[in-house]
Amino acid sequence: MVGIIIIVVIIVILGIWFISAYNKFIKMKNKIEEAFATMDVYLKKRWDLVPNLVNTVKAYAQHEKSTFESIAALRSRNYDSMSANEKVEANGLMGGLLGRLIATAEAYPELKANENFLDLQRKLNEFEDDIANSRKYYNGCVRQMNTAVESFPSNIIAGIFHFERYKMYEVDDARERENVNVDFGDMAAPTPAAQAAAPAAPETPAEAPVVDAAPTDEPPQA
């Protein structure tokens, strides 16, 4: 009799753990989908902005075919039909290509002074900031899920119900790690004639340098 009670207690405990572990996976899955949905809004906006940016740069740098062709090939894929992991992978590649595109613009002062280009750059910078903030939360959710999928004994539940690893949105390109630089300083270098005509600036006492506040990794409050 005692043996039967012990077996029943063990079965009940295992049943409770089984249900609890399964519900935990469901909660993690829902958090990942919620996090990705938020991030995907900004990824899609950047994805749709790329053609206008490419066309503007192409008007000044037509010989930069390699980058243009790579972007065109990537955007030939139907974004809406991609899975979440495919979107993460495609946007990782897109971030690197955009870094190369911005580097190309550095060689063309006329392009850097183009109002349409500057407007596109401002929008791109906003999207990059939003993506960076939402990526932190998404990657945190994915890390939690991937750890549970690989850890014992939760990997048993993952195997039974086919919970799989998600792809983290990692930044592989060095330029994208630094974000897209949209601060070009002076829009165009002054011509020699303008430099000759400009009066000499009066000497003024040197001012103490201004120290910027330390950056913070905390995302902006909603």
N, C-alpha and C. Protein backbone atom coordinates (compact mmCIF):
# COMPACT_ATOMS: atom_id res chain seq x y z
N MET A 1 0.83 -1.21 0.00
CA MET A 1 0.00 0.00 0.00
C MET A 1 0.87 1.26 0.00
N VAL A 2 1.88 1.24 0.85
CA VAL A 2 2.78 2.39 0.91
C VAL A 2 3.48 2.59 -0.42
N GLY A 3 3.87 1.47 -1.08
CA GLY A 3 4.54 1.55 -2.37
C GLY A 3 3.66 2.18 -3.42
N ILE A 4 2.37 1.84 -3.39
CA ILE A 4 1.42 2.42 -4.36
C ILE A 4 1.28 3.92 -4.15
N ILE A 5 1.23 4.33 -2.89
CA ILE A 5 1.10 5.76 -2.57
C ILE A 5 2.32 6.52 -3.06
N ILE A 6 3.50 5.92 -2.85
CA ILE A 6 4.73 6.58 -3.30
C ILE A 6 4.74 6.73 -4.82
N ILE A 7 4.30 5.67 -5.51
CA ILE A 7 4.25 5.74 -6.98
C ILE A 7 3.29 6.82 -7.45
N VAL A 8 2.12 6.89 -6.78
CA VAL A 8 1.11 7.89 -7.15
C VAL A 8 1.66 9.30 -6.92
N VAL A 9 2.34 9.49 -5.79
CA VAL A 9 2.91 10.81 -5.47
C VAL A 9 3.95 11.20 -6.52
N ILE A 10 4.79 10.24 -6.91
CA ILE A 10 5.80 10.51 -7.93
C ILE A 10 5.16 10.89 -9.26
N ILE A 11 4.11 10.15 -9.61
CA ILE A 11 3.41 10.44 -10.87
C ILE A 11 2.78 11.84 -10.84
N VAL A 12 2.19 12.19 -9.69
CA VAL A 12 1.57 13.51 -9.55
C VAL A 12 2.62 14.61 -9.67
N ILE A 13 3.76 14.40 -8.99
CA ILE A 13 4.84 15.39 -9.05
C ILE A 13 5.35 15.55 -10.47
N LEU A 14 5.56 14.42 -11.15
CA LEU A 14 6.02 14.48 -12.54
C LEU A 14 4.99 15.17 -13.44
N GLY A 15 3.71 14.89 -13.17
CA GLY A 15 2.65 15.52 -13.96
C GLY A 15 2.62 17.03 -13.78
N ILE A 16 2.79 17.46 -12.51
CA ILE A 16 2.80 18.89 -12.23
C ILE A 16 4.01 19.55 -12.91
N TRP A 17 5.19 18.89 -12.80
CA TRP A 17 6.38 19.43 -13.45
C TRP A 17 6.20 19.49 -14.96
N PHE A 18 5.61 18.44 -15.52
CA PHE A 18 5.41 18.37 -16.97
C PHE A 18 4.54 19.53 -17.45
N ILE A 19 3.43 19.75 -16.76
CA ILE A 19 2.52 20.83 -17.13
C ILE A 19 3.18 22.19 -16.95
N SER A 20 3.90 22.34 -15.83
CA SER A 20 4.56 23.61 -15.55
C SER A 20 5.63 23.90 -16.60
N ALA A 21 6.42 22.89 -16.96
CA ALA A 21 7.47 23.08 -17.96
C ALA A 21 6.88 23.42 -19.32
N TYR A 22 5.81 22.76 -19.68
CA TYR A 22 5.17 23.04 -20.97
C TYR A 22 4.63 24.48 -21.00
N ASN A 23 3.96 24.89 -19.93
CA ASN A 23 3.42 26.24 -19.88
C ASN A 23 4.53 27.29 -19.92
N LYS A 24 5.68 26.95 -19.32
CA LYS A 24 6.81 27.87 -19.36
C LYS A 24 7.29 28.06 -20.79
N PHE A 25 7.35 26.99 -21.57
CA PHE A 25 7.76 27.10 -22.97
C PHE A 25 6.76 27.95 -23.76
N ILE A 26 5.48 27.76 -23.47
CA ILE A 26 4.46 28.56 -24.17
C ILE A 26 4.63 30.04 -23.87
N LYS A 27 4.89 30.37 -22.60
CA LYS A 27 5.08 31.77 -22.22
C LYS A 27 6.32 32.36 -22.92
N MET A 28 7.41 31.59 -22.96
CA MET A 28 8.62 32.08 -23.62
C MET A 28 8.39 32.26 -25.11
N LYS A 29 7.67 31.34 -25.71
CA LYS A 29 7.36 31.44 -27.15
C LYS A 29 6.53 32.69 -27.43
N ASN A 30 5.54 32.96 -26.58
CA ASN A 30 4.70 34.14 -26.78
C ASN A 30 5.49 35.43 -26.59
N LYS A 31 6.42 35.43 -25.65
CA LYS A 31 7.25 36.62 -25.42
C LYS A 31 8.15 36.88 -26.63
N ILE A 32 8.68 35.82 -27.22
CA ILE A 32 9.53 35.98 -28.40
C ILE A 32 8.71 36.54 -29.56
N GLU A 33 7.52 36.02 -29.76
CA GLU A 33 6.67 36.50 -30.85
C GLU A 33 6.27 37.95 -30.64
N GLU A 34 6.00 38.32 -29.39
CA GLU A 34 5.66 39.71 -29.09
C GLU A 34 6.86 40.63 -29.34
N ALA A 35 8.04 40.19 -28.88
CA ALA A 35 9.25 40.99 -29.07
C ALA A 35 9.59 41.13 -30.54
N PHE A 36 9.43 40.04 -31.29
CA PHE A 36 9.75 40.11 -32.72
C PHE A 36 8.76 41.00 -33.46
N ALA A 37 7.49 40.92 -33.09
CA ALA A 37 6.48 41.75 -33.76
C ALA A 37 6.82 43.23 -33.62
N THR A 38 7.29 43.63 -32.44
CA THR A 38 7.69 45.03 -32.23
C THR A 38 8.89 45.38 -33.09
N MET A 39 9.91 44.52 -33.05
CA MET A 39 11.12 44.77 -33.82
C MET A 39 10.85 44.73 -35.32
N ASP A 40 9.95 43.86 -35.75
CA ASP A 40 9.68 43.69 -37.17
C ASP A 40 9.07 44.94 -37.80
N VAL A 41 8.36 45.71 -37.01
CA VAL A 41 7.79 46.97 -37.52
C VAL A 41 8.92 47.86 -38.04
N TYR A 42 9.99 47.99 -37.26
CA TYR A 42 11.12 48.84 -37.64
C TYR A 42 11.97 48.19 -38.73
N LEU A 43 12.10 46.87 -38.69
CA LEU A 43 12.84 46.17 -39.73
C LEU A 43 12.17 46.36 -41.09
N LYS A 44 10.83 46.28 -41.10
CA LYS A 44 10.09 46.43 -42.35
C LYS A 44 10.19 47.86 -42.87
N LYS A 45 10.16 48.84 -41.97
CA LYS A 45 10.30 50.24 -42.40
C LYS A 45 11.67 50.46 -43.03
N ARG A 46 12.71 49.89 -42.41
CA ARG A 46 14.05 50.04 -42.99
C ARG A 46 14.13 49.31 -44.32
N TRP A 47 13.55 48.13 -44.38
CA TRP A 47 13.55 47.33 -45.62
C TRP A 47 12.92 48.11 -46.77
N ASP A 48 11.81 48.81 -46.48
CA ASP A 48 11.10 49.56 -47.52
C ASP A 48 11.79 50.88 -47.86
N LEU A 49 12.62 51.38 -46.95
CA LEU A 49 13.32 52.63 -47.20
C LEU A 49 14.52 52.44 -48.14
N VAL A 50 15.06 51.23 -48.17
CA VAL A 50 16.30 50.95 -48.89
C VAL A 50 16.25 51.34 -50.37
N PRO A 51 15.19 51.01 -51.14
CA PRO A 51 15.19 51.36 -52.57
C PRO A 51 15.39 52.84 -52.84
N ASN A 52 14.72 53.71 -52.07
CA ASN A 52 14.88 55.15 -52.26
C ASN A 52 16.31 55.59 -51.96
N LEU A 53 16.89 55.00 -50.91
CA LEU A 53 18.26 55.34 -50.55
C LEU A 53 19.23 54.89 -51.64
N VAL A 54 19.02 53.68 -52.15
CA VAL A 54 19.88 53.15 -53.21
C VAL A 54 19.80 54.01 -54.46
N ASN A 55 18.59 54.36 -54.86
CA ASN A 55 18.42 55.16 -56.08
C ASN A 55 19.09 56.53 -55.95
N THR A 56 19.04 57.12 -54.76
CA THR A 56 19.67 58.42 -54.55
C THR A 56 21.19 58.31 -54.65
N VAL A 57 21.74 57.28 -54.00
CA VAL A 57 23.20 57.08 -54.05
C VAL A 57 23.64 56.71 -55.46
N LYS A 58 22.84 55.89 -56.14
CA LYS A 58 23.20 55.42 -57.47
C LYS A 58 23.32 56.59 -58.46
N ALA A 59 22.54 57.64 -58.25
CA ALA A 59 22.60 58.79 -59.16
C ALA A 59 23.96 59.48 -59.13
N TYR A 60 24.69 59.32 -58.01
CA TYR A 60 26.00 59.95 -57.88
C TYR A 60 27.15 58.95 -58.00
N ALA A 61 26.87 57.69 -57.75
CA ALA A 61 27.94 56.67 -57.72
C ALA A 61 27.51 55.45 -58.52
N GLN A 62 27.32 55.62 -59.79
CA GLN A 62 26.80 54.54 -60.62
C GLN A 62 27.78 53.38 -60.75
N HIS A 63 29.07 53.63 -60.51
CA HIS A 63 30.06 52.56 -60.70
C HIS A 63 30.14 51.61 -59.50
N GLU A 64 29.44 51.93 -58.40
CA GLU A 64 29.45 51.07 -57.22
C GLU A 64 28.44 49.94 -57.41
N LYS A 65 28.66 49.11 -58.41
CA LYS A 65 27.67 48.11 -58.79
C LYS A 65 27.55 46.97 -57.79
N SER A 66 28.64 46.59 -57.18
CA SER A 66 28.64 45.42 -56.31
C SER A 66 27.64 45.56 -55.17
N THR A 67 27.67 46.69 -54.47
CA THR A 67 26.75 46.92 -53.35
C THR A 67 25.32 47.00 -53.83
N PHE A 68 25.08 47.72 -54.94
CA PHE A 68 23.72 47.86 -55.46
C PHE A 68 23.14 46.49 -55.85
N GLU A 69 23.96 45.67 -56.50
CA GLU A 69 23.48 44.36 -56.94
C GLU A 69 23.20 43.45 -55.75
N SER A 70 24.03 43.53 -54.72
CA SER A 70 23.81 42.71 -53.53
C SER A 70 22.52 43.09 -52.82
N ILE A 71 22.26 44.39 -52.72
CA ILE A 71 21.03 44.86 -52.09
C ILE A 71 19.81 44.45 -52.92
N ALA A 72 19.92 44.61 -54.23
CA ALA A 72 18.80 44.23 -55.11
C ALA A 72 18.50 42.74 -55.00
N ALA A 73 19.54 41.91 -54.93
CA ALA A 73 19.33 40.47 -54.82
C ALA A 73 18.67 40.12 -53.50
N LEU A 74 19.07 40.80 -52.43
CA LEU A 74 18.48 40.53 -51.11
C LEU A 74 17.03 40.97 -51.06
N ARG A 75 16.73 42.13 -51.66
CA ARG A 75 15.36 42.64 -51.62
C ARG A 75 14.44 41.96 -52.63
N SER A 76 15.00 41.10 -53.48
CA SER A 76 14.15 40.37 -54.42
C SER A 76 13.33 39.30 -53.69
N ARG A 77 13.73 38.99 -52.47
CA ARG A 77 12.97 38.03 -51.67
C ARG A 77 11.70 38.69 -51.14
N ASN A 78 10.64 37.92 -51.04
CA ASN A 78 9.37 38.45 -50.52
C ASN A 78 9.44 38.51 -49.00
N TYR A 79 9.52 39.73 -48.47
CA TYR A 79 9.72 39.90 -47.03
C TYR A 79 8.58 39.30 -46.22
N ASP A 80 7.36 39.53 -46.66
CA ASP A 80 6.20 39.08 -45.88
C ASP A 80 6.08 37.57 -45.82
N SER A 81 6.68 36.86 -46.76
CA SER A 81 6.58 35.40 -46.76
C SER A 81 7.71 34.74 -45.97
N MET A 82 8.66 35.52 -45.46
CA MET A 82 9.77 34.96 -44.69
C MET A 82 9.32 34.56 -43.29
N SER A 83 9.98 33.55 -42.74
CA SER A 83 9.77 33.21 -41.34
C SER A 83 10.51 34.22 -40.47
N ALA A 84 10.27 34.17 -39.16
CA ALA A 84 10.95 35.10 -38.25
C ALA A 84 12.47 34.93 -38.34
N ASN A 85 12.94 33.69 -38.34
CA ASN A 85 14.38 33.45 -38.43
C ASN A 85 14.95 33.95 -39.75
N GLU A 86 14.20 33.78 -40.84
CA GLU A 86 14.66 34.25 -42.14
C GLU A 86 14.72 35.78 -42.19
N LYS A 87 13.77 36.43 -41.55
CA LYS A 87 13.78 37.89 -41.50
C LYS A 87 14.98 38.40 -40.71
N VAL A 88 15.27 37.73 -39.61
CA VAL A 88 16.43 38.12 -38.79
C VAL A 88 17.71 37.98 -39.60
N GLU A 89 17.85 36.87 -40.31
CA GLU A 89 19.04 36.63 -41.12
C GLU A 89 19.15 37.65 -42.26
N ALA A 90 18.02 37.89 -42.95
CA ALA A 90 18.04 38.83 -44.07
C ALA A 90 18.36 40.25 -43.62
N ASN A 91 17.82 40.65 -42.48
CA ASN A 91 18.09 42.01 -42.00
C ASN A 91 19.50 42.14 -41.45
N GLY A 92 20.08 41.05 -40.96
CA GLY A 92 21.48 41.10 -40.58
C GLY A 92 22.36 41.39 -41.78
N LEU A 93 22.05 40.72 -42.89
CA LEU A 93 22.79 40.98 -44.14
C LEU A 93 22.53 42.40 -44.64
N MET A 94 21.29 42.85 -44.53
CA MET A 94 20.95 44.19 -45.00
C MET A 94 21.69 45.26 -44.21
N GLY A 95 21.84 45.06 -42.91
CA GLY A 95 22.56 46.03 -42.10
C GLY A 95 23.99 46.20 -42.57
N GLY A 96 24.64 45.08 -42.91
CA GLY A 96 26.00 45.16 -43.41
C GLY A 96 26.08 45.88 -44.74
N LEU A 97 25.13 45.61 -45.63
CA LEU A 97 25.11 46.26 -46.94
C LEU A 97 24.84 47.76 -46.82
N LEU A 98 23.99 48.13 -45.88
CA LEU A 98 23.73 49.56 -45.68
C LEU A 98 24.98 50.26 -45.16
N GLY A 99 25.76 49.57 -44.34
CA GLY A 99 27.02 50.15 -43.88
C GLY A 99 27.94 50.44 -45.05
N ARG A 100 28.00 49.51 -46.01
CA ARG A 100 28.82 49.72 -47.21
C ARG A 100 28.27 50.86 -48.06
N LEU A 101 26.93 50.97 -48.11
CA LEU A 101 26.31 52.03 -48.91
C LEU A 101 26.63 53.40 -48.33
N ILE A 102 26.57 53.52 -47.01
CA ILE A 102 26.87 54.79 -46.36
C ILE A 102 28.34 55.14 -46.55
N ALA A 103 29.21 54.12 -46.50
CA ALA A 103 30.64 54.37 -46.72
C ALA A 103 30.88 54.91 -48.13
N THR A 104 30.11 54.42 -49.09
CA THR A 104 30.22 54.91 -50.47
C THR A 104 29.89 56.40 -50.55
N ALA A 105 28.87 56.82 -49.80
CA ALA A 105 28.44 58.22 -49.84
C ALA A 105 29.50 59.17 -49.32
N GLU A 106 30.40 58.67 -48.47
CA GLU A 106 31.42 59.54 -47.90
C GLU A 106 32.32 60.15 -48.97
N ALA A 107 32.43 59.50 -50.12
CA ALA A 107 33.34 59.97 -51.17
C ALA A 107 32.70 61.01 -52.09
N TYR A 108 31.43 61.37 -51.84
CA TYR A 108 30.72 62.28 -52.75
C TYR A 108 30.14 63.46 -51.98
N PRO A 109 30.85 64.59 -51.91
CA PRO A 109 30.35 65.76 -51.19
C PRO A 109 29.00 66.24 -51.70
N GLU A 110 28.78 66.16 -53.04
CA GLU A 110 27.50 66.61 -53.59
C GLU A 110 26.35 65.75 -53.06
N LEU A 111 26.61 64.47 -52.92
CA LEU A 111 25.58 63.56 -52.41
C LEU A 111 25.29 63.86 -50.95
N LYS A 112 26.33 64.11 -50.17
CA LYS A 112 26.14 64.38 -48.75
C LYS A 112 25.40 65.69 -48.50
N ALA A 113 25.37 66.56 -49.51
CA ALA A 113 24.65 67.82 -49.39
C ALA A 113 23.26 67.74 -50.00
N ASN A 114 22.90 66.60 -50.58
CA ASN A 114 21.61 66.44 -51.23
C ASN A 114 20.51 66.33 -50.17
N GLU A 115 19.50 67.19 -50.28
CA GLU A 115 18.45 67.23 -49.26
C GLU A 115 17.68 65.91 -49.17
N ASN A 116 17.39 65.32 -50.31
CA ASN A 116 16.66 64.06 -50.31
C ASN A 116 17.47 62.96 -49.61
N PHE A 117 18.77 62.95 -49.89
CA PHE A 117 19.65 61.97 -49.26
C PHE A 117 19.71 62.19 -47.75
N LEU A 118 19.82 63.44 -47.32
CA LEU A 118 19.88 63.73 -45.90
C LEU A 118 18.59 63.35 -45.19
N ASP A 119 17.47 63.57 -45.85
CA ASP A 119 16.18 63.18 -45.26
C ASP A 119 16.08 61.67 -45.10
N LEU A 120 16.53 60.94 -46.13
CA LEU A 120 16.53 59.48 -46.04
C LEU A 120 17.47 59.00 -44.94
N GLN A 121 18.59 59.68 -44.79
CA GLN A 121 19.55 59.32 -43.75
C GLN A 121 18.97 59.53 -42.35
N ARG A 122 18.25 60.62 -42.18
CA ARG A 122 17.64 60.88 -40.88
C ARG A 122 16.63 59.79 -40.53
N LYS A 123 15.82 59.40 -41.51
CA LYS A 123 14.85 58.34 -41.27
C LYS A 123 15.55 57.02 -40.96
N LEU A 124 16.60 56.73 -41.72
CA LEU A 124 17.34 55.50 -41.51
C LEU A 124 17.93 55.46 -40.10
N ASN A 125 18.45 56.59 -39.66
CA ASN A 125 19.05 56.66 -38.33
C ASN A 125 18.01 56.40 -37.25
N GLU A 126 16.81 56.93 -37.44
CA GLU A 126 15.73 56.69 -36.48
C GLU A 126 15.37 55.21 -36.42
N PHE A 127 15.28 54.59 -37.59
CA PHE A 127 14.95 53.16 -37.63
C PHE A 127 16.05 52.33 -36.98
N GLU A 128 17.31 52.72 -37.21
CA GLU A 128 18.42 51.98 -36.63
C GLU A 128 18.37 52.04 -35.10
N ASP A 129 18.04 53.20 -34.56
CA ASP A 129 17.94 53.34 -33.11
C ASP A 129 16.80 52.48 -32.56
N ASP A 130 15.66 52.50 -33.25
CA ASP A 130 14.51 51.69 -32.80
C ASP A 130 14.83 50.20 -32.89
N ILE A 131 15.51 49.80 -33.96
CA ILE A 131 15.88 48.39 -34.12
C ILE A 131 16.84 47.97 -33.01
N ALA A 132 17.82 48.82 -32.73
CA ALA A 132 18.81 48.49 -31.70
C ALA A 132 18.16 48.30 -30.34
N ASN A 133 17.21 49.16 -29.99
CA ASN A 133 16.53 49.05 -28.70
C ASN A 133 15.65 47.80 -28.62
N SER A 134 14.87 47.55 -29.68
CA SER A 134 13.99 46.40 -29.66
C SER A 134 14.76 45.09 -29.77
N ARG A 135 15.93 45.14 -30.41
CA ARG A 135 16.76 43.94 -30.56
C ARG A 135 17.24 43.42 -29.21
N LYS A 136 17.54 44.33 -28.28
CA LYS A 136 18.00 43.92 -26.96
C LYS A 136 16.96 43.04 -26.26
N TYR A 137 15.72 43.48 -26.30
CA TYR A 137 14.65 42.71 -25.64
C TYR A 137 14.41 41.39 -26.37
N TYR A 138 14.39 41.45 -27.70
CA TYR A 138 14.17 40.23 -28.49
C TYR A 138 15.26 39.20 -28.21
N ASN A 139 16.52 39.61 -28.23
CA ASN A 139 17.61 38.67 -28.00
C ASN A 139 17.57 38.10 -26.58
N GLY A 140 17.12 38.90 -25.61
CA GLY A 140 16.98 38.40 -24.25
C GLY A 140 15.94 37.29 -24.17
N CYS A 141 14.82 37.47 -24.87
CA CYS A 141 13.77 36.44 -24.89
C CYS A 141 14.26 35.18 -25.60
N VAL A 142 14.98 35.36 -26.70
CA VAL A 142 15.49 34.22 -27.46
C VAL A 142 16.53 33.46 -26.64
N ARG A 143 17.37 34.16 -25.93
CA ARG A 143 18.40 33.50 -25.11
C ARG A 143 17.75 32.62 -24.04
N GLN A 144 16.67 33.12 -23.44
CA GLN A 144 15.97 32.34 -22.42
C GLN A 144 15.37 31.07 -23.01
N MET A 145 14.77 31.19 -24.19
CA MET A 145 14.18 30.03 -24.85
C MET A 145 15.26 29.02 -25.26
N ASN A 146 16.32 29.49 -25.87
CA ASN A 146 17.37 28.60 -26.34
C ASN A 146 18.04 27.85 -25.19
N THR A 147 18.18 28.52 -24.05
CA THR A 147 18.77 27.86 -22.88
C THR A 147 17.86 26.74 -22.39
N ALA A 148 16.55 26.99 -22.37
CA ALA A 148 15.60 25.97 -21.93
C ALA A 148 15.55 24.80 -22.89
N VAL A 149 15.66 25.08 -24.19
CA VAL A 149 15.62 24.02 -25.19
C VAL A 149 16.81 23.08 -25.05
N GLU A 150 17.95 23.62 -24.64
CA GLU A 150 19.16 22.83 -24.58
C GLU A 150 19.43 22.22 -23.20
N SER A 151 18.77 22.72 -22.17
CA SER A 151 19.06 22.29 -20.81
C SER A 151 18.24 21.07 -20.41
N PHE A 152 18.83 20.25 -19.55
CA PHE A 152 18.13 19.09 -19.00
C PHE A 152 17.51 19.49 -17.66
N PRO A 153 16.27 19.09 -17.34
CA PRO A 153 15.41 18.17 -18.11
C PRO A 153 14.40 18.85 -19.02
N SER A 154 14.46 20.20 -19.11
CA SER A 154 13.46 20.90 -19.94
C SER A 154 13.59 20.53 -21.41
N ASN A 155 14.77 20.04 -21.83
CA ASN A 155 14.93 19.65 -23.23
C ASN A 155 14.05 18.45 -23.59
N ILE A 156 13.63 17.70 -22.58
CA ILE A 156 12.72 16.58 -22.82
C ILE A 156 11.38 17.11 -23.33
N ILE A 157 10.86 18.13 -22.64
CA ILE A 157 9.59 18.75 -23.05
C ILE A 157 9.75 19.40 -24.43
N ALA A 158 10.90 20.06 -24.64
CA ALA A 158 11.15 20.70 -25.93
C ALA A 158 11.15 19.68 -27.06
N GLY A 159 11.73 18.52 -26.82
CA GLY A 159 11.76 17.49 -27.85
C GLY A 159 10.39 16.91 -28.13
N ILE A 160 9.61 16.70 -27.08
CA ILE A 160 8.28 16.11 -27.25
C ILE A 160 7.36 17.04 -28.05
N PHE A 161 7.41 18.34 -27.72
CA PHE A 161 6.47 19.29 -28.34
C PHE A 161 7.14 20.14 -29.42
N HIS A 162 8.34 19.77 -29.82
CA HIS A 162 9.03 20.41 -30.95
C HIS A 162 9.26 21.91 -30.74
N PHE A 163 9.62 22.28 -29.52
CA PHE A 163 10.09 23.65 -29.29
C PHE A 163 11.54 23.70 -29.74
N GLU A 164 11.87 24.64 -30.63
CA GLU A 164 13.19 24.69 -31.21
C GLU A 164 13.89 26.00 -30.89
N ARG A 165 15.19 26.02 -31.14
CA ARG A 165 15.98 27.23 -30.95
C ARG A 165 15.55 28.32 -31.92
N TYR A 166 15.62 29.56 -31.47
CA TYR A 166 15.37 30.71 -32.34
C TYR A 166 16.71 31.34 -32.69
N LYS A 167 16.74 32.01 -33.81
CA LYS A 167 17.96 32.71 -34.24
C LYS A 167 18.01 34.07 -33.59
N MET A 168 19.13 34.34 -32.91
CA MET A 168 19.30 35.65 -32.31
C MET A 168 19.67 36.67 -33.39
N TYR A 169 19.27 37.91 -33.18
CA TYR A 169 19.61 38.97 -34.12
C TYR A 169 20.97 39.52 -33.70
N GLU A 170 22.01 38.94 -34.26
CA GLU A 170 23.37 39.36 -33.95
C GLU A 170 23.90 40.27 -35.04
N VAL A 171 24.73 41.21 -34.64
CA VAL A 171 25.33 42.15 -35.58
C VAL A 171 26.71 41.64 -35.94
N ASP A 172 26.87 41.21 -37.19
CA ASP A 172 28.15 40.64 -37.63
C ASP A 172 29.06 41.67 -38.26
N ASP A 173 28.48 42.71 -38.86
CA ASP A 173 29.28 43.69 -39.57
C ASP A 173 29.77 44.78 -38.63
N ALA A 174 31.04 45.12 -38.71
CA ALA A 174 31.62 46.10 -37.79
C ALA A 174 30.94 47.46 -37.93
N ARG A 175 30.59 47.83 -39.15
CA ARG A 175 29.95 49.14 -39.35
C ARG A 175 28.58 49.17 -38.69
N GLU A 176 27.85 48.05 -38.76
CA GLU A 176 26.52 48.06 -38.15
C GLU A 176 26.62 48.09 -36.63
N ARG A 177 27.70 47.52 -36.06
CA ARG A 177 27.89 47.57 -34.61
C ARG A 177 28.00 49.02 -34.14
N GLU A 178 28.55 49.87 -35.00
CA GLU A 178 28.71 51.27 -34.64
C GLU A 178 27.49 52.10 -35.03
N ASN A 179 26.45 51.45 -35.57
CA ASN A 179 25.25 52.12 -36.08
C ASN A 179 25.59 52.91 -37.34
N VAL A 180 24.59 53.26 -38.07
CA VAL A 180 24.80 54.03 -39.31
C VAL A 180 25.10 55.47 -38.95
N ASN A 181 26.23 55.97 -39.41
CA ASN A 181 26.66 57.32 -39.08
C ASN A 181 26.02 58.31 -40.04
N VAL A 182 25.18 59.19 -39.51
CA VAL A 182 24.50 60.16 -40.37
C VAL A 182 24.97 61.58 -40.11
N ASP A 183 25.94 61.75 -39.22
CA ASP A 183 26.46 63.09 -38.94
C ASP A 183 27.63 63.36 -39.85
N PHE A 184 27.40 64.13 -40.90
CA PHE A 184 28.45 64.40 -41.88
C PHE A 184 29.23 65.67 -41.57
N GLY A 185 28.89 66.34 -40.47
CA GLY A 185 29.59 67.58 -40.16
C GLY A 185 29.23 68.63 -41.19
N ASP A 186 30.23 69.26 -41.74
CA ASP A 186 29.99 70.25 -42.81
C ASP A 186 29.46 69.55 -44.03
N MET A 187 28.46 70.12 -44.63
CA MET A 187 27.82 69.48 -45.77
C MET A 187 28.74 69.42 -46.98
N ALA A 188 29.56 70.42 -47.19
CA ALA A 188 30.47 70.42 -48.33
C ALA A 188 31.67 71.28 -47.98
N ALA A 189 32.82 70.90 -48.50
CA ALA A 189 34.03 71.67 -48.22
C ALA A 189 33.97 72.99 -48.97
N PRO A 190 34.43 74.11 -48.37
CA PRO A 190 34.40 75.40 -49.05
C PRO A 190 35.39 75.43 -50.20
N THR A 191 35.04 76.15 -51.25
CA THR A 191 35.92 76.27 -52.42
C THR A 191 37.08 77.19 -52.08
N PRO A 192 38.20 77.12 -52.86
CA PRO A 192 39.33 78.03 -52.61
C PRO A 192 38.94 79.49 -52.69
N ALA A 193 38.03 79.82 -53.64
CA ALA A 193 37.61 81.22 -53.77
C ALA A 193 36.89 81.69 -52.53
N ALA A 194 36.05 80.81 -51.99
CA ALA A 194 35.30 81.18 -50.79
C ALA A 194 36.24 81.33 -49.61
N GLN A 195 37.26 80.49 -49.55
CA GLN A 195 38.20 80.59 -48.46
C GLN A 195 38.98 81.90 -48.53
N ALA A 196 39.33 82.33 -49.78
CA ALA A 196 40.08 83.57 -49.94
C ALA A 196 39.25 84.78 -49.58
N ALA A 197 37.93 84.70 -49.90
CA ALA A 197 37.05 85.84 -49.65
C ALA A 197 36.66 85.96 -48.20
N ALA A 198 36.72 84.85 -47.48
CA ALA A 198 36.26 84.87 -46.09
C ALA A 198 37.24 85.64 -45.23
N PRO A 199 36.77 86.59 -44.39
CA PRO A 199 37.68 87.35 -43.53
C PRO A 199 38.24 86.45 -42.44
N ALA A 200 39.42 86.80 -41.98
CA ALA A 200 40.04 86.01 -40.92
C ALA A 200 39.24 86.16 -39.64
N ALA A 201 39.05 85.06 -38.98
CA ALA A 201 38.27 85.07 -37.73
C ALA A 201 39.11 85.66 -36.62
N PRO A 202 38.54 86.56 -35.80
CA PRO A 202 39.31 87.14 -34.70
C PRO A 202 39.66 86.07 -33.69
N GLU A 203 40.83 86.28 -33.08
CA GLU A 203 41.26 85.32 -32.09
C GLU A 203 40.44 85.49 -30.82
N THR A 204 39.99 84.40 -30.26
CA THR A 204 39.21 84.43 -29.03
C THR A 204 39.85 83.48 -28.05
N PRO A 205 39.69 83.75 -26.78
CA PRO A 205 40.27 82.84 -25.78
C PRO A 205 39.66 81.45 -25.93
N ALA A 206 40.48 80.46 -25.74
CA ALA A 206 40.00 79.08 -25.84
C ALA A 206 39.04 78.79 -24.71
N GLU A 207 37.93 78.15 -25.07
CA GLU A 207 36.94 77.78 -24.07
C GLU A 207 37.22 76.39 -23.55
N ALA A 208 36.75 76.13 -22.35
CA ALA A 208 36.92 74.79 -21.79
C ALA A 208 36.12 73.81 -22.60
N PRO A 209 36.67 72.63 -22.90
CA PRO A 209 35.92 71.65 -23.69
C PRO A 209 34.68 71.18 -22.96
N VAL A 210 33.65 70.92 -23.77
CA VAL A 210 32.38 70.44 -23.21
C VAL A 210 32.42 68.92 -23.16
N VAL A 211 32.15 68.36 -22.02
CA VAL A 211 32.17 66.91 -21.87
C VAL A 211 30.76 66.38 -22.00
N ASP A 212 30.52 65.52 -23.00
CA ASP A 212 29.20 64.94 -23.19
C ASP A 212 28.88 64.00 -22.06
N ALA A 213 27.59 63.86 -21.79
CA ALA A 213 27.16 62.92 -20.78
C ALA A 213 27.44 61.51 -21.24
N ALA A 214 27.73 60.63 -20.29
CA ALA A 214 28.04 59.24 -20.65
C ALA A 214 26.81 58.59 -21.25
N PRO A 215 27.01 57.83 -22.34
CA PRO A 215 25.85 57.17 -22.96
C PRO A 215 25.29 56.11 -22.04
N THR A 216 24.04 55.80 -22.24
CA THR A 216 23.40 54.75 -21.44
C THR A 216 22.82 53.70 -22.35
N ASP A 217 22.83 52.46 -21.89
CA ASP A 217 22.28 51.35 -22.67
C ASP A 217 20.81 51.14 -22.42
N GLU A 218 20.22 51.92 -21.48
CA GLU A 218 18.83 51.75 -21.15
C GLU A 218 17.95 52.23 -22.30
N PRO A 219 16.96 51.44 -22.75
CA PRO A 219 16.06 51.89 -23.81
C PRO A 219 15.17 53.02 -23.33
N PRO A 220 14.72 53.90 -24.21
CA PRO A 220 13.85 54.99 -23.80
C PRO A 220 12.55 54.46 -23.25
N GLN A 221 12.03 55.19 -22.26
CA GLN A 221 10.75 54.80 -21.68
C GLN A 221 9.64 55.02 -22.67
N ALA A 222 8.70 54.08 -22.70
CA ALA A 222 7.56 54.19 -23.62
C ALA A 222 6.63 55.29 -23.15
